Amino acid sequence: MSLILIGAGGHAKVVNDSAMRSTLNPIGFIDDNVDDFLGLKKISESVFLENAREYTAIIAFGAVTAAAAARRHNLYMQYKNQGVKFFSVRDPSATISSLAKINNGVVIFPNAVVNAAAQIDENVIINTSAVIEHEVKIGAGSHICPGAIVLGGAEIGSNCIIGAGAVILPYSKVEASTLVPALTRFPK
C-alpha cells in the first residue's frame, strides 16, 4: 500500500522505517520546510488535497506538548474531513494483542507493547518501547513517549503527552490535554 508522510523531520524518519518494515510503501511527503527527504517525492499540500481520495496518509511529525498534540490532531481532522484516508503504521517488532482495538492514523514504533483489550483512538503515537497494558484507553491525538508505561485499566484523555519513562498507575485517569512529565509517576 502506498503512503504519504505528512511531515519530514526526525519523527518521520522512524515512521518511514516502520512503514517500510511493515510492507507499506512511502512514496511521498508533505512539508513546506523541507525540500528533500529520504529520496521521497515532495507533494504540495494543494496537490495532496486535490487528490485526497487517491492517497493514504499518516501524520509523521511528533508532539511534545499538549498544545502541539492538539495542533497535530486538528491537522489530522482537517485532512480527514477533506477525504484523506489515514492508515496506521505498526512496526513489526511491536507486540500487539489481537484483542486490542487500534483506530486509524495510529503509529506504533519499534518494541512497543499493546496488550489485550487496550483501546487506542485515532491519530495516537505509541513511541519506541512504550507499554500499554490490558484494558487501557488512550484518547485521540495523544503521544505515549518512549519507554512510558501505562498500567492496566488506566484512561488517557485526548491530546495528552505521557513523557518518556513515565508510569501511569492502574485505573488512573489522565484528563485531556495533560502533560505527564518524563520519568514521573501519575498520580504522584
Protein backbone atom coordinates (compact mmCIF):
# COMPACT_ATOMS: atom_id res chain seq x y z
CA MET A 1 0.00 0.00 0.00
CA SER A 2 1.35 3.45 -0.95
CA LEU A 3 1.64 6.00 1.82
CA ILE A 4 2.16 9.77 2.06
CA LEU A 5 4.05 11.07 5.11
CA ILE A 6 2.74 14.35 6.48
CA GLY A 7 5.91 15.81 7.96
CA ALA A 8 9.60 15.28 7.21
CA GLY A 9 11.67 15.50 10.38
CA GLY A 10 13.29 13.08 12.78
CA HIS A 11 9.98 11.54 13.85
CA ALA A 12 9.09 10.98 10.19
CA LYS A 13 12.31 9.02 9.66
CA VAL A 14 11.17 6.47 12.25
CA VAL A 15 7.64 6.42 10.78
CA ASN A 16 9.19 5.78 7.35
CA ASP A 17 11.38 2.94 8.69
CA SER A 18 8.47 1.30 10.50
CA ALA A 19 6.22 1.67 7.45
CA MET A 20 8.79 0.07 5.14
CA ARG A 21 9.41 -2.82 7.56
CA SER A 22 5.65 -3.46 7.72
CA THR A 23 5.30 -3.68 3.90
CA LEU A 24 3.82 -0.20 3.45
CA ASN A 25 5.37 1.84 0.67
CA PRO A 26 6.03 5.51 1.49
CA ILE A 27 6.00 7.30 -1.88
CA GLY A 28 5.98 10.97 -0.90
CA PHE A 29 5.91 13.60 1.81
CA ILE A 30 4.33 16.95 2.61
CA ASP A 31 6.42 19.52 4.48
CA ASP A 32 6.76 23.18 3.47
CA ASN A 33 10.07 23.47 5.34
CA VAL A 34 11.89 20.56 3.66
CA ASP A 35 12.79 20.05 0.00
CA ASP A 36 14.47 16.63 0.12
CA PHE A 37 13.54 13.76 2.43
CA LEU A 38 14.85 10.20 2.15
CA GLY A 39 14.51 10.26 -1.64
CA LEU A 40 10.70 10.52 -1.45
CA LYS A 41 8.73 12.77 -3.79
CA LYS A 42 7.73 16.14 -2.30
CA ILE A 43 4.00 16.75 -2.75
CA SER A 44 2.42 20.15 -2.26
CA GLU A 45 -0.49 20.37 0.13
CA SER A 46 -2.74 21.71 -2.65
CA VAL A 47 -1.98 18.73 -4.94
CA PHE A 48 -2.40 16.38 -1.99
CA LEU A 49 -5.84 17.79 -1.13
CA GLU A 50 -6.97 17.92 -4.79
CA ASN A 51 -6.27 14.19 -4.99
CA ALA A 52 -7.09 13.33 -1.36
CA ARG A 53 -9.19 10.28 -2.18
CA GLU A 54 -6.27 8.72 -4.08
CA TYR A 55 -3.85 8.85 -1.15
CA THR A 56 -3.42 7.03 2.12
CA ALA A 57 -1.56 9.13 4.67
CA ILE A 58 -0.06 9.18 8.14
CA ILE A 59 0.78 12.19 10.30
CA ALA A 60 4.56 11.78 10.56
CA PHE A 61 5.54 14.54 12.94
CA GLY A 62 5.52 14.22 16.70
CA ALA A 63 4.36 16.41 19.58
CA VAL A 64 5.99 17.04 22.94
CA THR A 65 3.47 19.44 24.48
CA ALA A 66 -0.28 19.09 24.88
CA ALA A 67 -0.77 22.20 22.70
CA ALA A 68 1.37 20.64 19.94
CA ALA A 69 -0.61 17.39 20.25
CA ALA A 70 -3.84 19.37 19.79
CA ARG A 71 -2.43 21.13 16.68
CA ARG A 72 -1.30 17.76 15.30
CA HIS A 73 -4.75 16.27 15.88
CA ASN A 74 -6.52 19.31 14.42
CA LEU A 75 -4.50 18.88 11.21
CA TYR A 76 -5.40 15.18 11.16
CA MET A 77 -9.11 16.02 11.49
CA GLN A 78 -8.88 18.78 8.84
CA TYR A 79 -7.38 16.33 6.35
CA LYS A 80 -9.76 13.55 7.34
CA ASN A 81 -12.76 15.87 6.81
CA GLN A 82 -11.40 16.65 3.32
CA GLY A 83 -11.46 12.98 2.37
CA VAL A 84 -7.92 11.87 3.21
CA LYS A 85 -7.75 8.21 4.24
CA PHE A 86 -5.42 7.50 7.14
CA PHE A 87 -3.69 4.23 7.75
CA SER A 88 -1.96 3.00 10.89
CA VAL A 89 1.75 2.16 10.87
CA ARG A 90 2.69 -0.76 13.12
CA ASP A 91 6.35 -1.63 13.37
CA PRO A 92 6.72 -5.42 13.03
CA SER A 93 8.84 -5.54 16.21
CA ALA A 94 5.91 -4.22 18.26
CA THR A 95 3.83 -6.74 20.21
CA ILE A 96 0.13 -6.05 19.67
CA SER A 97 -2.62 -8.20 21.13
CA SER A 98 -5.24 -9.49 18.72
CA LEU A 99 -7.75 -8.31 21.36
CA ALA A 100 -6.57 -4.68 21.21
CA LYS A 101 -8.56 -2.13 19.21
CA ILE A 102 -6.38 0.20 17.15
CA ASN A 103 -8.05 3.01 15.18
CA ASN A 104 -6.79 4.74 12.01
CA GLY A 105 -3.82 7.06 11.92
CA VAL A 106 -2.02 5.37 14.83
CA VAL A 107 1.76 4.94 14.79
CA ILE A 108 3.22 2.10 16.88
CA PHE A 109 7.01 2.28 16.97
CA PRO A 110 9.66 -0.43 17.46
CA ASN A 111 9.43 -2.68 20.52
CA ALA A 112 6.22 -1.13 21.81
CA VAL A 113 3.67 -3.39 23.53
CA VAL A 114 -0.13 -3.04 23.28
CA ASN A 115 -1.84 -5.68 25.41
CA ALA A 116 -5.28 -7.30 25.48
CA ALA A 117 -8.41 -5.17 25.36
CA ALA A 118 -6.47 -1.91 25.03
CA GLN A 119 -8.34 0.73 23.01
CA ILE A 120 -6.24 3.19 21.02
CA ASP A 121 -8.20 6.06 19.46
CA GLU A 122 -7.22 7.66 16.15
CA ASN A 123 -4.01 9.60 15.49
CA VAL A 124 -2.14 8.32 18.57
CA ILE A 125 1.64 7.80 18.80
CA ILE A 126 2.83 4.76 20.78
CA ASN A 127 6.54 5.51 20.74
CA THR A 128 9.57 3.22 20.98
CA SER A 129 9.38 0.64 23.79
CA ALA A 130 6.23 2.13 25.34
CA VAL A 131 3.99 -0.36 27.14
CA ILE A 132 0.19 -0.16 27.02
CA GLU A 133 -1.24 -2.73 29.40
CA HIS A 134 -4.60 -4.53 29.37
CA GLU A 135 -7.84 -2.53 29.17
CA VAL A 136 -6.10 0.83 28.79
CA LYS A 137 -7.94 3.54 26.83
CA ILE A 138 -5.94 6.19 25.00
CA GLY A 139 -7.73 9.24 23.60
CA ALA A 140 -7.30 10.69 20.12
CA GLY A 141 -4.16 12.64 19.35
CA SER A 142 -2.18 11.54 22.41
CA HIS A 143 1.53 10.70 22.41
CA ILE A 144 2.88 7.96 24.65
CA CYS A 145 6.61 8.77 24.62
CA PRO A 146 9.50 6.28 24.53
CA GLY A 147 9.63 3.89 27.45
CA ALA A 148 6.43 5.15 29.10
CA ILE A 149 4.29 2.53 30.83
CA VAL A 150 0.51 2.82 31.07
CA LEU A 151 -0.71 0.20 33.52
CA GLY A 152 -3.94 -1.82 33.38
CA GLY A 153 -7.27 -0.06 33.16
CA ALA A 154 -5.83 3.46 33.00
CA GLU A 155 -7.51 6.08 30.81
CA ILE A 156 -5.56 8.70 28.90
CA GLY A 157 -7.61 11.63 27.58
CA SER A 158 -7.23 13.16 24.14
CA ASN A 159 -4.17 15.22 23.18
CA CYS A 160 -2.13 14.11 26.19
CA ILE A 161 1.63 13.72 26.34
CA ILE A 162 2.88 10.91 28.56
CA GLY A 163 6.59 11.71 28.91
CA ALA A 164 9.47 9.34 28.30
CA GLY A 165 9.75 6.77 31.08
CA ALA A 166 6.64 7.99 32.90
CA VAL A 167 4.46 5.42 34.67
CA ILE A 168 0.67 5.76 34.75
CA LEU A 169 -0.68 3.71 37.66
CA PRO A 170 -3.52 1.18 37.24
CA TYR A 171 -7.03 2.56 36.77
CA SER A 172 -5.79 6.18 36.85
CA LYS A 173 -7.46 8.80 34.69
CA VAL A 174 -5.34 11.41 32.90
CA GLU A 175 -7.54 14.31 31.82
CA ALA A 176 -7.46 15.59 28.23
CA SER A 177 -4.57 17.87 27.22
CA THR A 178 -2.41 16.87 30.18
CA LEU A 179 1.38 16.66 30.09
CA VAL A 180 2.75 13.97 32.39
CA PRO A 181 6.47 14.80 32.69
CA ALA A 182 9.18 12.33 31.78
CA LEU A 183 10.34 9.93 34.49
CA THR A 184 7.39 10.64 36.80
CA ARG A 185 4.57 8.61 38.27
CA PHE A 186 0.90 9.54 37.80
CA PRO A 187 -0.83 10.10 40.08
CA LYS A 188 2.01 11.09 42.39
